[in-house]
C-alpha atoms as a PDB file:
ATOM      1  CA  MET A   1     -18.196 -45.200  21.138  1.00  0.00           C
ATOM      2  CA  ASN A   2     -15.594 -43.438  22.816  1.00  0.00           C
ATOM      3  CA  HIS A   3     -16.324 -39.155  22.865  1.00  0.00           C
ATOM      4  CA  SER A   4     -13.364 -37.480  24.286  1.00  0.00           C
ATOM      5  CA  PRO A   5     -14.478 -35.022  27.146  1.00  0.00           C
ATOM      6  CA  GLU A   6     -14.234 -32.059  24.493  1.00  0.00           C
ATOM      7  CA  THR A   7     -16.838 -33.461  22.362  1.00  0.00           C
ATOM      8  CA  PRO A   8     -19.890 -31.222  22.945  1.00  0.00           C
ATOM      9  CA  PRO A   9     -23.352 -32.859  23.390  1.00  0.00           C
ATOM     10  CA  GLY A  10     -24.544 -29.450  21.430  1.00  0.00           C
ATOM     11  CA  ALA A  11     -23.411 -26.048  20.029  1.00  0.00           C
ATOM     12  CA  VAL A  12     -24.958 -22.939  18.384  1.00  0.00           C
ATOM     13  CA  PHE A  13     -24.247 -20.708  15.986  1.00  0.00           C
ATOM     14  CA  LYS A  14     -24.819 -17.430  14.377  1.00  0.00           C
ATOM     15  CA  TRP A  15     -23.769 -16.226  10.575  1.00  0.00           C
ATOM     16  CA  THR A  16     -25.054 -13.659   8.777  1.00  0.00           C
ATOM     17  CA  PRO A  17     -24.607 -14.213   5.046  1.00  0.00           C
ATOM     18  CA  ASP A  18     -25.002 -11.706   2.442  1.00  0.00           C
ATOM     19  CA  GLN A  19     -24.723 -11.329  -1.275  1.00  0.00           C
ATOM     20  CA  ALA A  20     -20.875 -11.395  -1.761  1.00  0.00           C
ATOM     21  CA  ASP A  21     -21.777 -14.956  -0.222  1.00  0.00           C
ATOM     22  CA  PHE A  22     -24.265 -16.112  -2.461  1.00  0.00           C
ATOM     23  CA  ASP A  23     -21.968 -14.240  -5.864  1.00  0.00           C
ATOM     24  CA  ALA A  24     -18.735 -16.409  -4.342  1.00  0.00           C
ATOM     25  CA  PHE A  25     -20.776 -19.633  -3.862  1.00  0.00           C
ATOM     26  CA  ALA A  26     -22.321 -19.583  -7.645  1.00  0.00           C
ATOM     27  CA  GLU A  27     -19.118 -18.631  -9.464  1.00  0.00           C
ATOM     28  CA  LEU A  28     -17.188 -21.489  -7.268  1.00  0.00           C
ATOM     29  CA  SER A  29     -20.263 -23.772  -7.962  1.00  0.00           C
ATOM     30  CA  GLY A  30     -21.566 -22.980 -11.450  1.00  0.00           C
ATOM     31  CA  ASP A  31     -25.021 -22.339 -10.483  1.00  0.00           C
ATOM     32  CA  ASP A  32     -26.065 -18.800 -11.177  1.00  0.00           C
ATOM     33  CA  ASN A  33     -29.433 -18.836 -11.221  1.00  0.00           C
ATOM     34  CA  PRO A  34     -30.637 -15.182 -10.665  1.00  0.00           C
ATOM     35  CA  ILE A  35     -32.947 -16.053  -7.129  1.00  0.00           C
ATOM     36  CA  HIS A  36     -29.424 -16.479  -6.018  1.00  0.00           C
ATOM     37  CA  VAL A  37     -27.249 -13.883  -7.327  1.00  0.00           C
ATOM     38  CA  ASP A  38     -29.812 -10.958  -9.034  1.00  0.00           C
ATOM     39  CA  PRO A  39     -31.055  -8.938  -6.599  1.00  0.00           C
ATOM     40  CA  ALA A  40     -33.025  -7.359  -9.322  1.00  0.00           C
ATOM     41  CA  PHE A  41     -34.875 -10.665 -10.978  1.00  0.00           C
ATOM     42  CA  SER A  42     -35.439 -11.432  -7.430  1.00  0.00           C
ATOM     43  CA  ALA A  43     -37.393  -8.876  -6.319  1.00  0.00           C
ATOM     44  CA  ARG A  44     -39.847  -9.670  -8.762  1.00  0.00           C
ATOM     45  CA  THR A  45     -40.130 -13.087  -7.323  1.00  0.00           C
ATOM     46  CA  ARG A  46     -42.585 -14.661  -4.513  1.00  0.00           C
ATOM     47  CA  PHE A  47     -39.650 -14.318  -2.027  1.00  0.00           C
ATOM     48  CA  GLY A  48     -39.026 -10.251  -3.168  1.00  0.00           C
ATOM     49  CA  ARG A  49     -35.216 -11.022  -2.704  1.00  0.00           C
ATOM     50  CA  THR A  50     -31.982 -13.234  -3.427  1.00  0.00           C
ATOM     51  CA  VAL A  51     -32.332 -16.276  -1.438  1.00  0.00           C
ATOM     52  CA  SER A  52     -29.519 -18.659  -0.869  1.00  0.00           C
ATOM     53  CA  HIS A  53     -28.112 -21.738  -2.285  1.00  0.00           C
ATOM     54  CA  GLY A  54     -29.227 -24.560  -0.349  1.00  0.00           C
ATOM     55  CA  MET A  55     -25.875 -26.624  -0.709  1.00  0.00           C
ATOM     56  CA  LEU A  56     -23.817 -22.853   0.243  1.00  0.00           C
ATOM     57  CA  LEU A  57     -25.628 -23.306   4.101  1.00  0.00           C
ATOM     58  CA  TYR A  58     -24.711 -26.828   3.896  1.00  0.00           C
ATOM     59  CA  THR A  59     -21.318 -25.491   3.266  1.00  0.00           C
ATOM     60  CA  ARG A  60     -21.367 -24.154   6.154  1.00  0.00           C
ATOM     61  CA  VAL A  61     -22.581 -26.961   8.374  1.00  0.00           C
ATOM     62  CA  PHE A  62     -20.291 -28.842   6.985  1.00  0.00           C
ATOM     63  CA  GLY A  63     -17.436 -26.756   8.196  1.00  0.00           C
ATOM     64  CA  HIS A  64     -18.892 -26.561  11.484  1.00  0.00           C
ATOM     65  CA  LEU A  65     -19.400 -30.734  11.941  1.00  0.00           C
ATOM     66  CA  ASP A  66     -15.592 -30.924  10.949  1.00  0.00           C
ATOM     67  CA  ALA A  67     -14.078 -28.245  13.781  1.00  0.00           C
ATOM     68  CA  LEU A  68     -16.874 -29.787  16.191  1.00  0.00           C
ATOM     69  CA  TYR A  69     -16.228 -33.460  15.329  1.00  0.00           C
ATOM     70  CA  PRO A  70     -11.894 -33.846  13.963  1.00  0.00           C
ATOM     71  CA  GLY A  71     -11.162 -36.534  11.907  1.00  0.00           C
ATOM     72  CA  ARG A  72     -14.609 -37.910  11.860  1.00  0.00           C
ATOM     73  CA  ARG A  73     -15.765 -38.773   8.875  1.00  0.00           C
ATOM     74  CA  HIS A  74     -19.058 -37.960   7.342  1.00  0.00           C
ATOM     75  CA  VAL A  75     -21.262 -41.632   6.612  1.00  0.00           C
ATOM     76  CA  MET A  76     -24.802 -40.041   5.477  1.00  0.00           C
ATOM     77  CA  GLN A  77     -26.801 -37.280   5.816  1.00  0.00           C
ATOM     78  CA  SER A  78     -30.085 -35.909   4.918  1.00  0.00           C
ATOM     79  CA  LEU A  79     -31.283 -32.366   4.010  1.00  0.00           C
ATOM     80  CA  MET A  80     -34.097 -30.622   3.598  1.00  0.00           C
ATOM     81  CA  PHE A  81     -34.662 -27.253   2.677  1.00  0.00           C
ATOM     82  CA  PRO A  82     -38.179 -26.531   4.075  1.00  0.00           C
ATOM     83  CA  ASN A  83     -37.777 -21.938   3.849  1.00  0.00           C
ATOM     84  CA  PRO A  84     -34.962 -19.563   2.391  1.00  0.00           C
ATOM     85  CA  ALA A  85     -32.152 -17.486   3.717  1.00  0.00           C
ATOM     86  CA  TYR A  86     -31.713 -14.564   2.367  1.00  0.00           C
ATOM     87  CA  ALA A  87     -28.859 -12.100   2.089  1.00  0.00           C
ATOM     88  CA  ASN A  88     -28.321 -10.087   5.149  1.00  0.00           C
ATOM     89  CA  GLU A  89     -30.679 -11.480   7.748  1.00  0.00           C
ATOM     90  CA  GLU A  90     -28.895 -13.684  11.100  1.00  0.00           C
ATOM     91  CA  LEU A  91     -29.303 -17.690  10.779  1.00  0.00           C
ATOM     92  CA  THR A  92     -28.422 -19.403  13.885  1.00  0.00           C
ATOM     93  CA  LEU A  93     -27.068 -22.458  12.970  1.00  0.00           C
ATOM     94  CA  THR A  94     -27.740 -25.361  15.829  1.00  0.00           C
ATOM     95  CA  PHE A  95     -25.970 -28.869  15.894  1.00  0.00           C
ATOM     96  CA  LEU A  96     -27.301 -31.579  18.716  1.00  0.00           C
ATOM     97  CA  ARG A  97     -25.858 -34.917  19.514  1.00  0.00           C
ATOM     98  CA  ASN A  98     -28.560 -37.259  19.709  1.00  0.00           C
ATOM     99  CA  ALA A  99     -28.566 -39.064  23.080  1.00  0.00           C
ATOM    100  CA  ASP A 100     -29.395 -42.597  22.063  1.00  0.00           C
ATOM    101  CA  ARG A 101     -26.799 -42.473  19.069  1.00  0.00           C
ATOM    102  CA  PRO A 102     -24.219 -40.167  19.418  1.00  0.00           C
ATOM    103  CA  GLU A 103     -23.181 -40.526  15.834  1.00  0.00           C
ATOM    104  CA  VAL A 104     -25.707 -38.937  15.048  1.00  0.00           C
ATOM    105  CA  ILE A 105     -25.797 -35.121  15.009  1.00  0.00           C
ATOM    106  CA  ASP A 106     -29.187 -33.425  14.436  1.00  0.00           C
ATOM    107  CA  ILE A 107     -28.686 -29.931  12.830  1.00  0.00           C
ATOM    108  CA  GLU A 108     -31.481 -26.783  12.125  1.00  0.00           C
ATOM    109  CA  VAL A 109     -30.096 -23.820  10.318  1.00  0.00           C
ATOM    110  CA  LYS A 110     -33.125 -21.309  11.070  1.00  0.00           C
ATOM    111  CA  ARG A 111     -33.870 -17.447  10.633  1.00  0.00           C
ATOM    112  CA  SER A 112     -33.122 -15.655  13.550  1.00  0.00           C
ATOM    113  CA  ALA A 113     -35.719 -12.762  12.901  1.00  0.00           C
ATOM    114  CA  ASP A 114     -38.562 -15.748  13.118  1.00  0.00           C
ATOM    115  CA  ASP A 115     -37.794 -19.105  13.604  1.00  0.00           C
ATOM    116  CA  ALA A 116     -37.943 -20.158  10.213  1.00  0.00           C
ATOM    117  CA  VAL A 117     -36.063 -23.403   9.579  1.00  0.00           C
ATOM    118  CA  THR A 118     -33.643 -22.779   5.711  1.00  0.00           C
ATOM    119  CA  LEU A 119     -32.423 -25.890   6.788  1.00  0.00           C
ATOM    120  CA  SER A 120     -33.301 -28.980   8.431  1.00  0.00           C
ATOM    121  CA  ALA A 121     -30.442 -32.323   8.654  1.00  0.00           C
ATOM    122  CA  THR A 122     -28.916 -35.534   9.760  1.00  0.00           C
ATOM    123  CA  CYS A 123     -25.798 -36.426   9.513  1.00  0.00           C
ATOM    124  CA  THR A 124     -24.323 -39.854  10.847  1.00  0.00           C
ATOM    125  CA  LEU A 125     -20.483 -39.744  11.825  1.00  0.00           C
ATOM    126  CA  GLU A 126     -18.182 -42.783  11.482  1.00  0.00           C
ATOM    127  CA  VAL A 127     -18.470 -44.750  14.775  1.00  0.00           C
ATOM    128  CA  SER A 128     -14.575 -43.419  16.189  1.00  0.00           C
ATOM    129  CA  GLU A 129     -13.185 -46.828  17.678  1.00  0.00           C
END
Protein backbone atom coordinates (compact mmCIF):
# COMPACT_ATOMS: atom_id res chain seq x y z
CA MET A 1 0.00 0.00 0.00
CA ASN A 2 1.29 3.42 -0.87
CA HIS A 3 0.65 6.47 1.23
CA SER A 4 1.82 9.88 0.25
CA PRO A 5 4.07 11.60 2.80
CA GLU A 6 1.12 13.92 3.49
CA THR A 7 -1.14 11.08 4.65
CA PRO A 8 -1.26 11.51 8.41
CA PRO A 9 -1.02 8.61 10.85
CA GLY A 10 -3.63 10.42 12.91
CA ALA A 11 -5.53 13.66 13.24
CA VAL A 12 -7.66 15.42 15.85
CA PHE A 13 -10.43 17.94 15.23
CA LYS A 14 -12.82 19.88 17.49
CA TRP A 15 -16.45 20.57 16.66
CA THR A 16 -19.33 22.03 18.64
CA PRO A 17 -22.66 21.10 17.06
CA ASP A 18 -25.60 23.33 17.87
CA GLN A 19 -29.36 23.02 17.74
CA ALA A 20 -29.39 24.52 14.25
CA ASP A 21 -27.18 21.60 13.11
CA PHE A 22 -29.64 19.11 14.64
CA ASP A 23 -32.59 20.88 13.04
CA ALA A 24 -30.93 21.08 9.60
CA PHE A 25 -30.03 17.39 9.72
CA ALA A 26 -33.59 16.51 10.72
CA GLU A 27 -34.89 18.49 7.76
CA LEU A 28 -32.42 16.89 5.37
CA SER A 29 -32.83 13.33 6.63
CA GLY A 30 -36.53 13.38 7.49
CA ASP A 31 -35.69 12.15 11.02
CA ASP A 32 -37.55 14.72 13.09
CA ASN A 33 -37.76 12.64 16.26
CA PRO A 34 -38.43 15.14 19.06
CA ILE A 35 -35.42 13.88 21.03
CA HIS A 36 -33.33 15.66 18.37
CA VAL A 37 -35.38 18.77 17.62
CA ASP A 38 -37.73 19.61 20.49
CA PRO A 39 -35.97 21.07 23.54
CA ALA A 40 -39.18 21.04 25.65
CA PHE A 41 -39.84 17.36 24.90
CA SER A 42 -36.17 16.42 25.37
CA ALA A 43 -36.03 18.17 28.74
CA ARG A 44 -38.47 15.55 30.04
CA THR A 45 -36.35 12.60 28.88
CA ARG A 46 -33.48 10.90 30.68
CA PHE A 47 -31.09 13.06 28.61
CA GLY A 48 -32.61 16.33 29.77
CA ARG A 49 -31.92 18.05 26.43
CA THR A 50 -31.75 17.40 22.72
CA VAL A 51 -29.26 14.84 21.46
CA SER A 52 -27.53 14.58 18.12
CA HIS A 53 -28.58 12.17 15.41
CA GLY A 54 -25.90 9.48 15.26
CA MET A 55 -25.60 9.90 11.53
CA LEU A 56 -25.04 13.64 11.92
CA LEU A 57 -21.90 12.73 13.85
CA TYR A 58 -20.88 10.31 11.12
CA THR A 59 -21.43 12.87 8.35
CA ARG A 60 -18.86 15.10 10.11
CA VAL A 61 -16.51 12.11 10.41
CA PHE A 62 -17.06 11.24 6.74
CA GLY A 63 -16.16 14.77 5.69
CA HIS A 64 -12.90 14.65 7.64
CA LEU A 65 -12.05 11.20 6.22
CA ASP A 66 -12.63 12.52 2.72
CA ALA A 67 -10.31 15.47 3.40
CA LEU A 68 -7.64 13.32 5.08
CA TYR A 69 -7.70 10.59 2.43
CA PRO A 70 -8.93 12.25 -0.79
CA GLY A 71 -10.15 9.92 -3.49
CA ARG A 72 -10.15 6.86 -1.20
CA ARG A 73 -13.50 5.09 -1.38
CA HIS A 74 -15.00 3.68 1.81
CA VAL A 75 -15.14 -0.10 1.58
CA MET A 76 -16.66 -0.71 5.00
CA GLN A 77 -17.45 1.09 8.22
CA SER A 78 -18.70 -0.08 11.58
CA LEU A 79 -20.31 2.40 13.95
CA MET A 80 -21.35 2.35 17.60
CA PHE A 81 -22.99 5.21 19.49
CA PRO A 82 -22.47 4.41 23.20
CA ASN A 83 -23.29 7.87 24.63
CA PRO A 84 -25.25 10.91 23.47
CA ALA A 85 -23.78 14.07 22.01
CA TYR A 86 -25.55 17.29 22.97
CA ALA A 87 -26.07 20.65 21.33
CA ASN A 88 -23.53 23.30 22.28
CA GLU A 89 -21.05 20.84 23.81
CA GLU A 90 -17.65 20.51 22.17
CA LEU A 91 -16.69 17.19 20.65
CA THR A 92 -13.20 15.87 19.94
CA LEU A 93 -12.89 13.78 16.78
CA THR A 94 -9.82 11.52 16.65
CA PHE A 95 -8.66 9.59 13.58
CA LEU A 96 -5.87 7.03 13.88
CA ARG A 97 -4.52 4.93 11.03
CA ASN A 98 -3.98 1.30 12.09
CA ALA A 99 -0.22 0.57 12.16
CA ASP A 100 -0.65 -3.01 10.89
CA ARG A 101 -3.36 -2.25 8.33
CA PRO A 102 -2.99 1.34 7.08
CA GLU A 103 -6.24 1.13 5.11
CA VAL A 104 -8.10 0.83 8.44
CA ILE A 105 -8.88 4.05 10.27
CA ASP A 106 -9.98 3.91 13.91
CA ILE A 107 -12.21 6.82 14.89
CA GLU A 108 -13.53 8.15 18.18
CA VAL A 109 -15.78 11.09 18.82
CA LYS A 110 -15.80 12.11 22.48
CA ARG A 111 -17.50 14.81 24.46
CA SER A 112 -14.57 17.10 25.31
CA ALA A 113 -15.90 17.92 28.79
CA ASP A 114 -16.00 14.36 30.15
CA ASP A 115 -14.33 12.15 27.50
CA ALA A 116 -17.51 10.10 27.03
CA VAL A 117 -17.36 8.35 23.66
CA THR A 118 -20.32 9.32 21.48
CA LEU A 119 -19.15 7.52 18.32
CA SER A 120 -16.71 4.65 18.05
CA ALA A 121 -15.99 3.63 14.48
CA THR A 122 -13.69 1.73 12.20
CA CYS A 123 -13.50 2.62 8.54
CA THR A 124 -11.76 0.58 5.89
CA LEU A 125 -10.65 2.53 2.84
CA GLU A 126 -9.92 1.05 -0.56
CA VAL A 127 -6.29 0.09 -0.98
CA SER A 128 -4.53 2.58 -3.22
CA GLU A 129 -2.17 1.31 -5.86
